[in-house]
């Protein structure tokens, strides 16, 4: 899980990230996104990395992408 909103109306975009361990039903912190955003896409790539693209930072629509390498 990456980014999202902290608070409501207006949404304060975040750059936090967490990993979920389904076997142990546990969330743990991961490296933060380079830019705070919400409403972005996160796509698992065939090499196991995750492409995070687009989003909104609370002020503007973002045209950016970054790769997360677990």
N, C-alpha and C. Protein backbone atom coordinates (compact mmCIF):
# COMPACT_ATOMS: atom_id res chain seq x y z
N UNK A 1 0.85 -1.14 0.00
CA UNK A 1 0.00 0.00 0.00
C UNK A 1 0.91 1.21 0.00
N UNK A 2 0.56 2.20 -0.82
CA UNK A 2 1.41 3.38 -0.92
C UNK A 2 0.58 4.63 -1.09
N UNK A 3 1.02 5.69 -0.43
CA UNK A 3 0.35 6.97 -0.55
C UNK A 3 -1.05 6.94 0.02
N UNK A 4 -1.84 7.91 -0.36
CA UNK A 4 -3.21 8.00 0.11
C UNK A 4 -3.49 9.34 0.75
N UNK A 5 -4.53 9.37 1.59
CA UNK A 5 -4.96 10.61 2.24
C UNK A 5 -4.80 10.52 3.74
N UNK A 6 -4.44 11.62 4.32
CA UNK A 6 -4.42 11.76 5.76
C UNK A 6 -5.40 12.87 6.09
N UNK A 7 -6.51 12.51 6.69
CA UNK A 7 -7.53 13.50 7.00
C UNK A 7 -8.57 13.58 5.89
N UNK A 8 -9.54 14.43 6.08
CA UNK A 8 -10.65 14.57 5.14
C UNK A 8 -10.88 16.03 4.85
N UNK A 9 -11.33 16.30 3.66
CA UNK A 9 -11.84 17.59 3.21
C UNK A 9 -11.04 18.78 3.72
N UNK A 10 -9.92 19.12 3.21
CA UNK A 10 -9.32 18.49 2.04
C UNK A 10 -8.41 17.33 2.43
N UNK A 11 -8.16 16.49 1.47
CA UNK A 11 -7.27 15.35 1.66
C UNK A 11 -5.82 15.84 1.64
N UNK A 12 -5.05 15.44 2.62
CA UNK A 12 -3.62 15.74 2.63
C UNK A 12 -2.89 14.50 2.12
N UNK A 13 -2.36 14.58 0.90
CA UNK A 13 -1.68 13.44 0.29
C UNK A 13 -0.49 13.01 1.14
N UNK A 14 -0.23 11.70 1.18
CA UNK A 14 0.89 11.17 1.96
C UNK A 14 1.88 10.45 1.04
N UNK A 15 3.09 10.24 1.55
CA UNK A 15 4.09 9.49 0.80
C UNK A 15 4.47 8.20 1.50
N UNK A 16 3.72 7.80 2.50
CA UNK A 16 4.04 6.59 3.25
C UNK A 16 3.74 5.34 2.44
N UNK A 17 4.39 4.24 2.80
CA UNK A 17 4.16 2.95 2.15
C UNK A 17 4.29 1.84 3.19
N UNK A 18 3.52 0.78 2.99
CA UNK A 18 3.57 -0.37 3.88
C UNK A 18 3.47 -1.65 3.06
N UNK A 19 4.03 -2.73 3.60
CA UNK A 19 3.95 -4.05 2.98
C UNK A 19 3.07 -4.95 3.83
N UNK A 20 2.26 -5.78 3.17
CA UNK A 20 1.37 -6.69 3.88
C UNK A 20 1.89 -8.11 3.76
N UNK A 21 2.02 -8.77 4.89
CA UNK A 21 2.42 -10.18 4.95
C UNK A 21 1.15 -10.99 5.20
N UNK A 22 0.61 -11.59 4.15
CA UNK A 22 -0.66 -12.33 4.26
C UNK A 22 -0.53 -13.56 5.16
N UNK A 23 0.62 -14.19 5.17
CA UNK A 23 0.82 -15.38 5.98
C UNK A 23 0.68 -15.07 7.46
N UNK A 24 1.25 -13.93 7.89
CA UNK A 24 1.20 -13.54 9.30
C UNK A 24 0.15 -12.48 9.60
N UNK A 25 -0.61 -12.05 8.56
CA UNK A 25 -1.63 -11.02 8.73
C UNK A 25 -1.04 -9.79 9.42
N UNK A 26 0.06 -9.27 8.83
CA UNK A 26 0.80 -8.19 9.47
C UNK A 26 1.24 -7.14 8.44
N UNK A 27 1.11 -5.87 8.79
CA UNK A 27 1.59 -4.76 7.97
C UNK A 27 2.91 -4.28 8.55
N UNK A 28 3.86 -3.91 7.68
CA UNK A 28 5.12 -3.35 8.15
C UNK A 28 5.50 -2.16 7.26
N UNK A 29 6.21 -1.18 7.82
CA UNK A 29 6.61 0.00 7.05
C UNK A 29 7.54 -0.37 5.90
N UNK A 30 7.45 0.38 4.81
CA UNK A 30 8.34 0.23 3.66
C UNK A 30 8.92 1.60 3.33
N UNK A 31 9.84 1.64 2.40
CA UNK A 31 10.42 2.92 1.98
C UNK A 31 9.31 3.82 1.45
N UNK A 32 9.39 5.10 1.77
CA UNK A 32 8.37 6.07 1.36
C UNK A 32 8.43 6.35 -0.13
N UNK A 33 7.31 6.82 -0.67
CA UNK A 33 7.29 7.30 -2.05
C UNK A 33 8.16 8.56 -2.14
N UNK A 34 8.65 8.85 -3.33
CA UNK A 34 9.44 10.08 -3.53
C UNK A 34 8.57 11.32 -3.46
N UNK A 35 7.29 11.18 -3.81
CA UNK A 35 6.36 12.32 -3.79
C UNK A 35 5.04 11.87 -3.17
N UNK A 36 4.46 12.72 -2.34
CA UNK A 36 3.16 12.43 -1.74
C UNK A 36 2.09 12.44 -2.82
N UNK A 37 1.20 11.45 -2.77
CA UNK A 37 0.10 11.41 -3.74
C UNK A 37 -1.01 10.49 -3.27
N UNK A 38 -2.17 10.69 -3.85
CA UNK A 38 -3.28 9.76 -3.70
C UNK A 38 -3.90 9.61 -5.09
N UNK A 39 -4.78 8.67 -5.26
CA UNK A 39 -5.48 8.41 -6.53
C UNK A 39 -4.51 8.06 -7.66
N UNK A 40 -3.36 7.48 -7.32
CA UNK A 40 -2.41 7.03 -8.33
C UNK A 40 -2.69 5.56 -8.65
N UNK A 41 -1.96 5.02 -9.61
CA UNK A 41 -2.05 3.59 -9.88
C UNK A 41 -0.79 2.91 -9.37
N UNK A 42 -0.91 1.67 -9.00
CA UNK A 42 0.23 0.84 -8.61
C UNK A 42 0.09 -0.47 -9.37
N UNK A 43 1.05 -0.76 -10.22
CA UNK A 43 0.98 -1.93 -11.10
C UNK A 43 2.15 -2.85 -10.84
N UNK A 44 1.84 -4.12 -10.52
CA UNK A 44 2.89 -5.12 -10.32
C UNK A 44 3.45 -5.50 -11.68
N UNK A 45 4.76 -5.36 -11.83
CA UNK A 45 5.43 -5.70 -13.08
C UNK A 45 5.91 -7.15 -13.04
N UNK A 46 6.18 -7.72 -14.19
CA UNK A 46 6.57 -9.13 -14.27
C UNK A 46 7.87 -9.43 -13.54
N UNK A 47 8.71 -8.42 -13.30
CA UNK A 47 9.97 -8.63 -12.58
C UNK A 47 9.81 -8.48 -11.06
N UNK A 48 8.57 -8.29 -10.59
CA UNK A 48 8.30 -8.18 -9.16
C UNK A 48 8.34 -6.76 -8.63
N UNK A 49 8.78 -5.82 -9.45
CA UNK A 49 8.78 -4.42 -9.03
C UNK A 49 7.38 -3.83 -9.22
N UNK A 50 7.12 -2.69 -8.62
CA UNK A 50 5.82 -2.04 -8.70
C UNK A 50 5.98 -0.65 -9.31
N UNK A 51 5.21 -0.38 -10.35
CA UNK A 51 5.20 0.93 -10.99
C UNK A 51 4.09 1.76 -10.37
N UNK A 52 4.44 2.90 -9.77
CA UNK A 52 3.46 3.84 -9.22
C UNK A 52 3.44 5.05 -10.15
N UNK A 53 2.25 5.39 -10.66
CA UNK A 53 2.18 6.45 -11.67
C UNK A 53 0.98 7.36 -11.43
N UNK A 54 1.17 8.64 -11.81
CA UNK A 54 0.08 9.61 -11.74
C UNK A 54 -0.27 9.97 -10.32
N UNK A 55 -1.52 10.36 -10.13
CA UNK A 55 -2.01 10.70 -8.80
C UNK A 55 -2.35 12.17 -8.66
N UNK A 56 -2.63 12.54 -7.44
CA UNK A 56 -3.03 13.89 -7.09
C UNK A 56 -2.38 14.22 -5.76
N UNK A 57 -1.82 15.40 -5.62
CA UNK A 57 -1.12 15.74 -4.37
C UNK A 57 -1.92 16.69 -3.47
N UNK A 58 -3.18 16.90 -3.78
CA UNK A 58 -4.01 17.81 -3.00
C UNK A 58 -4.13 19.16 -3.65
N UNK A 59 -3.24 19.45 -4.59
CA UNK A 59 -3.25 20.72 -5.30
C UNK A 59 -3.30 20.53 -6.81
N UNK A 60 -2.58 19.54 -7.29
CA UNK A 60 -2.45 19.35 -8.74
C UNK A 60 -2.44 17.88 -9.11
N UNK A 61 -2.86 17.59 -10.34
CA UNK A 61 -2.74 16.25 -10.89
C UNK A 61 -1.27 16.03 -11.23
N UNK A 62 -0.75 14.87 -10.86
CA UNK A 62 0.67 14.60 -11.03
C UNK A 62 0.94 13.80 -12.30
N UNK A 63 1.98 14.17 -13.01
CA UNK A 63 2.43 13.40 -14.16
C UNK A 63 3.83 12.89 -13.83
N UNK A 64 3.88 11.90 -12.97
CA UNK A 64 5.14 11.35 -12.51
C UNK A 64 4.99 9.85 -12.34
N UNK A 65 6.12 9.19 -12.26
CA UNK A 65 6.12 7.76 -11.98
C UNK A 65 7.37 7.41 -11.20
N UNK A 66 7.28 6.30 -10.49
CA UNK A 66 8.44 5.78 -9.79
C UNK A 66 8.31 4.28 -9.68
N UNK A 67 9.42 3.62 -9.50
CA UNK A 67 9.46 2.16 -9.39
C UNK A 67 9.79 1.81 -7.95
N UNK A 68 9.01 0.88 -7.37
CA UNK A 68 9.32 0.34 -6.04
C UNK A 68 9.91 -1.05 -6.25
N UNK A 69 11.07 -1.27 -5.67
CA UNK A 69 11.75 -2.56 -5.78
C UNK A 69 11.80 -3.22 -4.41
N UNK A 70 10.91 -4.19 -4.18
CA UNK A 70 10.87 -4.83 -2.85
C UNK A 70 12.15 -5.60 -2.56
